[in-house]
């Protein structure tokens, strides 16, 4: 292309010189025709697209939605190529321990490559995209792996799909028929991959006291959002229950019920007591 531009420039210079000097009319007409032809060629080259493109991605993102059973999720990948040429393709794949478990050929939507995979609940996923140019050259792009995480929830998917809670009573005291929890804690882990675009939140918590398997008391527990949006916690202190008359070897148990915005209810046992010789003994763990 550079040679053609130089030829055009020289032709223009010669044409200008001949015109200024009153040169031969036939020669001037020939140069004008050559100039016009060269202009068309140069303009055509400047508007042609790149032949090879560039195999790679400038950016990408993931979207994931849990299956209704929460034992897997659909993961959608959207990747923007560095340079696109007609015929360029992209393959989106997921791997575990060096083995490919799912792969799909992405669709080109005019701006980005888009593809999705249905993946079973498991931890340790790695995600890659292989971009192939029309000339057959390829580049494998590391999207999201344990060594280079960009979305940890999708790497440890099984953990991210599950919600759970825990609590423990560390100390308590009994005065008459009133049992007071002196110290303890509660924690809630929300799912990091939900069934809708809206993040799951904690809508309420309660402590429930049972005597020999029958509920004898219930109180609300305030759970506070933690440093990350998917975690809640509470310090349990100063909460009291009135307990029934007890006999030796009878037991009390306390549990926590947590309600989530997606309708789930989480439950965990937090401690128990046994009654003996007029005293209540806390069993931790």
Foldseek 3Di string as FASTA:
>chain_A
DVVLVVVLVVLVVVLVVCVVVVHDPVVNVVSVVSNVVSVVVVVVVVPDFDQWWDAAFPDKDKAWAADPVLQWIKIKIKTFGPTDDPPKWKKKFKDAPPHTDDIDTFDDPPGITMDMDIGGQAAFMWIWMWIAIPVGDIDIGGDAGPVDHPDRCVRNVNVLSDKAKAKAQDDWDDDPQKIWRAKIKMKIFARNHHRDPDGKAWDFKKKFKDKQRHTQDMDTFDWDQDPDRRMTMGIGHGDMGGHDDDDAFIKMWMKMWIAMPVGDIYIDTHWMWGDDPNDIHTDTD
